[in-house]
C-alpha atoms as a PDB file:
ATOM      1  CA  CYS A   1      33.401  70.328 -22.655  1.00  0.00           C
ATOM      2  CA  ALA A   2      37.544  70.578 -23.637  1.00  0.00           C
ATOM      3  CA  ALA A   3      40.641  69.821 -20.789  1.00  0.00           C
ATOM      4  CA  SER A   4      42.732  71.708 -21.018  1.00  0.00           C
ATOM      5  CA  PRO A   5      46.509  70.616 -19.705  1.00  0.00           C
ATOM      6  CA  ASP A   6      47.699  74.216 -18.698  1.00  0.00           C
ATOM      7  CA  GLY A   7      45.586  75.710 -16.641  1.00  0.00           C
ATOM      8  CA  GLY A   8      43.221  77.043 -19.411  1.00  0.00           C
ATOM      9  CA  LEU A   9      46.047  78.399 -21.651  1.00  0.00           C
ATOM     10  CA  THR A  10      45.149  76.098 -24.445  1.00  0.00           C
ATOM     11  CA  PHE A  11      42.591  73.251 -24.880  1.00  0.00           C
ATOM     12  CA  GLY A  12      42.146  70.392 -26.286  1.00  0.00           C
ATOM     13  CA  PRO A  13      39.163  69.429 -28.273  1.00  0.00           C
ATOM     14  CA  ALA A  14      36.045  69.612 -27.519  1.00  0.00           C
ATOM     15  CA  VAL A  15      33.379  66.313 -26.786  1.00  0.00           C
ATOM     16  CA  PRO A  16      29.362  66.280 -26.866  1.00  0.00           C
ATOM     17  CA  ILE A  17      29.168  64.819 -22.619  1.00  0.00           C
ATOM     18  CA  ASP A  18      26.265  63.076 -23.527  1.00  0.00           C
ATOM     19  CA  THR A  19      27.667  60.061 -25.859  1.00  0.00           C
ATOM     20  CA  ASN A  20      24.345  57.842 -24.428  1.00  0.00           C
ATOM     21  CA  LEU A  21      22.633  58.425 -27.767  1.00  0.00           C
ATOM     22  CA  HIS A  22      21.222  62.462 -26.151  1.00  0.00           C
ATOM     23  CA  ILE A  23      19.276  61.002 -23.583  1.00  0.00           C
ATOM     24  CA  CYS A  24      19.852  64.121 -21.795  1.00  0.00           C
ATOM     25  CA  LEU A  25      18.034  67.259 -23.732  1.00  0.00           C
ATOM     26  CA  GLY A  26      18.063  70.766 -22.238  1.00  0.00           C
ATOM     27  CA  LEU A  27      19.899  72.901 -19.655  1.00  0.00           C
ATOM     28  CA  VAL A  28      23.199  71.043 -17.737  1.00  0.00           C
ATOM     29  CA  GLY A  29      24.056  72.480 -14.750  1.00  0.00           C
ATOM     30  CA  HIS A  30      27.784  73.797 -13.471  1.00  0.00           C
ATOM     31  CA  GLY A  31      30.669  71.314 -14.192  1.00  0.00           C
ATOM     32  CA  ARG A  32      32.689  69.795 -10.324  1.00  0.00           C
ATOM     33  CA  VAL A  33      35.570  68.515 -10.229  1.00  0.00           C
ATOM     34  CA  ALA A  34      36.441  65.835  -8.096  1.00  0.00           C
ATOM     35  CA  PRO A  35      39.893  64.997  -6.306  1.00  0.00           C
ATOM     36  CA  ASP A  36      40.562  61.784  -7.654  1.00  0.00           C
ATOM     37  CA  GLY A  37      40.071  64.527 -11.376  1.00  0.00           C
ATOM     38  CA  THR A  38      36.425  62.937 -12.923  1.00  0.00           C
ATOM     39  CA  ALA A  39      34.585  65.847 -13.489  1.00  0.00           C
ATOM     40  CA  TYR A  40      30.855  65.828 -13.533  1.00  0.00           C
ATOM     41  CA  VAL A  41      28.246  67.769 -15.233  1.00  0.00           C
ATOM     42  CA  PRO A  42      24.388  67.577 -13.637  1.00  0.00           C
ATOM     43  CA  ALA A  43      21.334  67.762 -16.234  1.00  0.00           C
ATOM     44  CA  ALA A  44      17.805  68.393 -15.900  1.00  0.00           C
ATOM     45  CA  HIS A  45      16.173  66.808 -18.608  1.00  0.00           C
ATOM     46  CA  CYS A  46      17.335  63.107 -19.022  1.00  0.00           C
ATOM     47  CA  GLN A  47      14.931  60.915 -20.752  1.00  0.00           C
ATOM     48  CA  LEU A  48      14.537  59.090 -17.209  1.00  0.00           C
ATOM     49  CA  GLY A  49      15.112  61.975 -14.755  1.00  0.00           C
ATOM     50  CA  ALA A  50      17.459  63.907 -13.779  1.00  0.00           C
ATOM     51  CA  GLY A  51      21.295  62.802 -14.743  1.00  0.00           C
ATOM     52  CA  VAL A  52      25.167  63.537 -14.546  1.00  0.00           C
ATOM     53  CA  MET A  53      27.371  62.740 -17.097  1.00  0.00           C
ATOM     54  CA  SER A  54      31.268  62.415 -15.606  1.00  0.00           C
ATOM     55  CA  THR A  55      34.305  61.859 -17.125  1.00  0.00           C
ATOM     56  CA  ALA A  56      37.305  59.611 -15.274  1.00  0.00           C
ATOM     57  CA  ASN A  57      39.828  60.148 -18.351  1.00  0.00           C
ATOM     58  CA  ASN A  58      40.266  63.646 -19.167  1.00  0.00           C
ATOM     59  CA  GLY A  59      37.324  64.828 -20.660  1.00  0.00           C
ATOM     60  CA  ILE A  60      37.801  61.332 -24.159  1.00  0.00           C
ATOM     61  CA  THR A  61      34.591  59.677 -22.979  1.00  0.00           C
ATOM     62  CA  TRP A  62      31.123  60.652 -20.777  1.00  0.00           C
ATOM     63  CA  PRO A  63      29.326  58.300 -19.279  1.00  0.00           C
ATOM     64  CA  THR A  64      26.072  59.426 -18.204  1.00  0.00           C
ATOM     65  CA  HIS A  65      24.475  58.326 -14.636  1.00  0.00           C
ATOM     66  CA  ILE A  66      20.789  58.456 -13.933  1.00  0.00           C
ATOM     67  CA  ILE A  67      19.495  59.385 -10.419  1.00  0.00           C
ATOM     68  CA  PRO A  68      16.887  56.858  -9.667  1.00  0.00           C
ATOM     69  CA  ASN A  69      13.316  58.261  -9.014  1.00  0.00           C
ATOM     70  CA  SER A  70      14.007  61.487  -9.879  1.00  0.00           C
ATOM     71  CA  LEU A  71      11.503  62.430 -12.790  1.00  0.00           C
ATOM     72  CA  PRO A  72      11.976  65.788 -14.062  1.00  0.00           C
ATOM     73  CA  PRO A  73       9.540  67.573 -14.150  1.00  0.00           C
ATOM     74  CA  ALA A  74       8.093  69.937 -17.821  1.00  0.00           C
ATOM     75  CA  ASN A  75      10.515  73.064 -16.987  1.00  0.00           C
ATOM     76  CA  GLY A  76      13.629  73.026 -14.625  1.00  0.00           C
ATOM     77  CA  PHE A  77      16.388  74.874 -14.143  1.00  0.00           C
ATOM     78  CA  ASP A  78      20.134  74.313 -13.256  1.00  0.00           C
ATOM     79  CA  PRO A  79      20.677  71.474 -11.211  1.00  0.00           C
ATOM     80  CA  SER A  80      23.370  71.802  -9.383  1.00  0.00           C
ATOM     81  CA  LEU A  81      26.392  68.662  -7.656  1.00  0.00           C
ATOM     82  CA  ALA A  82      29.085  68.670  -5.200  1.00  0.00           C
ATOM     83  CA  VAL A  83      31.860  66.769  -4.471  1.00  0.00           C
ATOM     84  CA  THR A  84      33.211  66.488  -0.701  1.00  0.00           C
ATOM     85  CA  PRO A  85      36.748  65.895  -1.162  1.00  0.00           C
ATOM     86  CA  SER A  86      36.423  61.658  -0.304  1.00  0.00           C
ATOM     87  CA  GLY A  87      34.536  62.186  -3.893  1.00  0.00           C
ATOM     88  CA  TRP A  88      31.074  61.930  -1.975  1.00  0.00           C
ATOM     89  CA  LEU A  89      27.965  63.379  -4.609  1.00  0.00           C
ATOM     90  CA  TYR A  90      25.686  65.325  -3.645  1.00  0.00           C
ATOM     91  CA  ALA A  91      22.999  65.957  -6.733  1.00  0.00           C
ATOM     92  CA  ALA A  92      20.753  68.543  -6.342  1.00  0.00           C
ATOM     93  CA  PHE A  93      17.919  69.259  -8.689  1.00  0.00           C
ATOM     94  CA  GLN A  94      13.779  70.237  -9.478  1.00  0.00           C
ATOM     95  CA  GLY A  95      11.540  66.853  -8.897  1.00  0.00           C
ATOM     96  CA  ALA A  96       8.529  65.831 -11.385  1.00  0.00           C
ATOM     97  CA  ASN A  97       6.501  67.696  -8.492  1.00  0.00           C
ATOM     98  CA  ASN A  98       8.939  70.501  -8.651  1.00  0.00           C
ATOM     99  CA  HIS A  99       9.773  70.322  -5.083  1.00  0.00           C
ATOM    100  CA  GLN A 100      13.565  70.560  -4.414  1.00  0.00           C
ATOM    101  CA  LYS A 101      14.961  67.503  -4.203  1.00  0.00           C
ATOM    102  CA  VAL A 102      18.509  66.091  -3.586  1.00  0.00           C
ATOM    103  CA  ALA A 103      19.984  62.890  -3.707  1.00  0.00           C
ATOM    104  CA  LEU A 104      23.548  61.347  -2.532  1.00  0.00           C
ATOM    105  CA  SER A 105      26.246  58.948  -4.801  1.00  0.00           C
ATOM    106  CA  LYS A 106      28.906  57.763  -2.707  1.00  0.00           C
ATOM    107  CA  ASP A 107      30.769  56.066  -5.454  1.00  0.00           C
ATOM    108  CA  GLY A 108      31.199  58.169  -7.629  1.00  0.00           C
ATOM    109  CA  ALA A 109      27.548  58.603  -9.702  1.00  0.00           C
ATOM    110  CA  ALA A 110      27.435  55.007 -10.172  1.00  0.00           C
ATOM    111  CA  HIS A 111      25.387  54.355  -7.347  1.00  0.00           C
ATOM    112  CA  TRP A 112      22.484  57.263  -5.965  1.00  0.00           C
ATOM    113  CA  ALA A 113      20.540  56.964  -2.754  1.00  0.00           C
ATOM    114  CA  ASN A 114      17.013  58.063  -3.574  1.00  0.00           C
ATOM    115  CA  PRO A 115      16.259  61.762  -3.756  1.00  0.00           C
ATOM    116  CA  ARG A 116      15.384  63.362  -0.568  1.00  0.00           C
ATOM    117  CA  ASP A 117      12.625  66.327  -0.758  1.00  0.00           C
ATOM    118  CA  VAL A 118      14.323  69.392   0.955  1.00  0.00           C
ATOM    119  CA  THR A 119      11.159  71.837   0.204  1.00  0.00           C
ATOM    120  CA  PRO A 120       9.465  73.024   3.262  1.00  0.00           C
ATOM    121  CA  PRO A 121       5.569  72.902   3.705  1.00  0.00           C
ATOM    122  CA  GLY A 122       3.810  75.253   2.494  1.00  0.00           C
ATOM    123  CA  VAL A 123       6.348  75.994  -0.655  1.00  0.00           C
ATOM    124  CA  VAL A 124       4.746  75.089  -4.002  1.00  0.00           C
ATOM    125  CA  SER A 125       7.806  75.227  -6.381  1.00  0.00           C
ATOM    126  CA  THR A 126      11.446  75.442  -6.207  1.00  0.00           C
ATOM    127  CA  THR A 127      14.048  75.867  -9.014  1.00  0.00           C
ATOM    128  CA  PHE A 128      17.909  77.322  -9.464  1.00  0.00           C
ATOM    129  CA  SER A 129      19.878  74.879  -7.012  1.00  0.00           C
ATOM    130  CA  ALA A 130      23.203  76.063  -5.277  1.00  0.00           C
ATOM    131  CA  MET A 131      24.602  72.984  -4.297  1.00  0.00           C
ATOM    132  CA  VAL A 132      27.811  72.980  -1.755  1.00  0.00           C
ATOM    133  CA  ALA A 133      29.500  70.067   0.590  1.00  0.00           C
ATOM    134  CA  GLY A 134      32.091  70.222   2.978  1.00  0.00           C
ATOM    135  CA  ASP A 135      32.618  67.251   4.909  1.00  0.00           C
ATOM    136  CA  ASP A 136      30.821  63.920   3.407  1.00  0.00           C
ATOM    137  CA  ALA A 137      28.413  63.884   6.242  1.00  0.00           C
ATOM    138  CA  ARG A 138      27.969  68.112   5.955  1.00  0.00           C
ATOM    139  CA  ALA A 139      25.622  69.818   2.761  1.00  0.00           C
ATOM    140  CA  ALA A 140      24.059  72.441   2.090  1.00  0.00           C
ATOM    141  CA  VAL A 141      21.851  73.924  -0.953  1.00  0.00           C
ATOM    142  CA  ALA A 142      20.352  77.400  -1.680  1.00  0.00           C
ATOM    143  CA  PHE A 143      17.735  77.394  -3.755  1.00  0.00           C
ATOM    144  CA  ILE A 144      14.506  80.065  -4.542  1.00  0.00           C
ATOM    145  CA  GLY A 145      10.916  78.678  -3.899  1.00  0.00           C
ATOM    146  CA  THR A 146       6.940  80.544  -3.928  1.00  0.00           C
ATOM    147  CA  THR A 147       4.433  79.334  -2.376  1.00  0.00           C
ATOM    148  CA  THR A 148       1.886  80.471  -5.618  1.00  0.00           C
ATOM    149  CA  SER A 149      -0.373  77.543  -7.273  1.00  0.00           C
ATOM    150  CA  GLY A 150      -0.166  77.199 -11.276  1.00  0.00           C
ATOM    151  CA  ASP A 151       2.765  77.308 -13.373  1.00  0.00           C
ATOM    152  CA  PRO A 152       5.601  79.452 -12.801  1.00  0.00           C
ATOM    153  CA  PHE A 153       7.675  79.250 -15.687  1.00  0.00           C
ATOM    154  CA  ALA A 154       4.087  80.762 -18.006  1.00  0.00           C
ATOM    155  CA  ALA A 155       3.774  84.388 -18.885  1.00  0.00           C
ATOM    156  CA  GLY A 156       1.022  85.918 -16.543  1.00  0.00           C
ATOM    157  CA  PHE A 157       2.578  83.924 -13.181  1.00  0.00           C
ATOM    158  CA  GLY A 158       1.852  86.956 -10.096  1.00  0.00           C
ATOM    159  CA  GLY A 159       3.411  84.481  -7.522  1.00  0.00           C
ATOM    160  CA  SER A 160       6.656  85.664  -5.895  1.00  0.00           C
ATOM    161  CA  TRP A 161       9.927  84.126  -5.049  1.00  0.00           C
ATOM    162  CA  ASP A 162      11.790  83.962  -1.798  1.00  0.00           C
ATOM    163  CA  LEU A 163      15.344  82.196  -1.064  1.00  0.00           C
ATOM    164  CA  TYR A 164      15.573  78.702   1.124  1.00  0.00           C
ATOM    165  CA  VAL A 165      18.258  76.613   2.599  1.00  0.00           C
ATOM    166  CA  ALA A 166      18.657  73.614   3.230  1.00  0.00           C
ATOM    167  CA  THR A 167      21.514  72.034   5.640  1.00  0.00           C
ATOM    168  CA  THR A 168      22.519  68.110   6.616  1.00  0.00           C
ATOM    169  CA  TYR A 169      24.442  67.339   8.530  1.00  0.00           C
ATOM    170  CA  ASP A 170      24.105  63.785   8.577  1.00  0.00           C
ATOM    171  CA  SER A 171      24.996  62.157   4.940  1.00  0.00           C
ATOM    172  CA  GLY A 172      21.625  63.807   3.585  1.00  0.00           C
ATOM    173  CA  THR A 173      19.456  61.625   5.525  1.00  0.00           C
ATOM    174  CA  THR A 174      17.651  64.774   7.333  1.00  0.00           C
ATOM    175  CA  TRP A 175      17.563  68.316   5.544  1.00  0.00           C
ATOM    176  CA  THR A 176      16.622  71.264   8.225  1.00  0.00           C
ATOM    177  CA  VAL A 177      15.575  74.286   5.842  1.00  0.00           C
ATOM    178  CA  ALA A 178      15.460  77.926   6.374  1.00  0.00           C
ATOM    179  CA  LYS A 179      14.157  81.035   4.842  1.00  0.00           C
ATOM    180  CA  ALA A 180      16.810  83.176   4.488  1.00  0.00           C
ATOM    181  CA  THR A 181      15.086  86.236   3.062  1.00  0.00           C
ATOM    182  CA  SER A 182      13.119  88.224   4.836  1.00  0.00           C
ATOM    183  CA  SER A 183      11.373  90.273   1.524  1.00  0.00           C
ATOM    184  CA  PRO A 184      11.455  88.508  -1.800  1.00  0.00           C
ATOM    185  CA  MET A 185      13.760  88.076  -4.668  1.00  0.00           C
ATOM    186  CA  GLN A 186      11.895  87.425  -7.486  1.00  0.00           C
ATOM    187  CA  ARG A 187       8.296  88.483  -8.793  1.00  0.00           C
ATOM    188  CA  GLY A 188       6.495  87.111 -11.852  1.00  0.00           C
ATOM    189  CA  TRP A 189       7.362  84.186 -13.672  1.00  0.00           C
ATOM    190  CA  ILE A 190      10.746  82.552 -14.272  1.00  0.00           C
ATOM    191  CA  CYS A 191      11.642  82.636 -18.072  1.00  0.00           C
END
């Protein structure tokens, strides 16, 4: 990542953001910036689970924070973060069972609540998280899910995918999930 002091006209030098012995590999999600200026980037595949890399010094250093009990799947895409106005972080990612998980940190990714599985009954695989937050207590994550068993990342997978949205109004204690599509938004494997 590289930081710009002038709104993107110029950038400082690019630096690696996985500075902890490359424990996070593969795809990362979109960066988010907290009101205090701390920048965060979610990672789906860290050696010990899903993770979040952060910088509080304009991109000079990027420590990695692993979300406990978040073992990732063999294939997973697009973890997502949302930052509340007071700086709480909601992280959405695929768990080892391909279910949609959400974890909450109230202290800048230093500590995390155990991830909640927000996958509705009957859905066996999810991917492509998109997390948003309002105030500290309110957040939502959209994701696509399939009810077809099998490896959704392998050629020949015959399932269809629908959009789901999970919402919380009590800081992630409970989640309500709604199917947002009436016909599939994708058919077949995720490649």
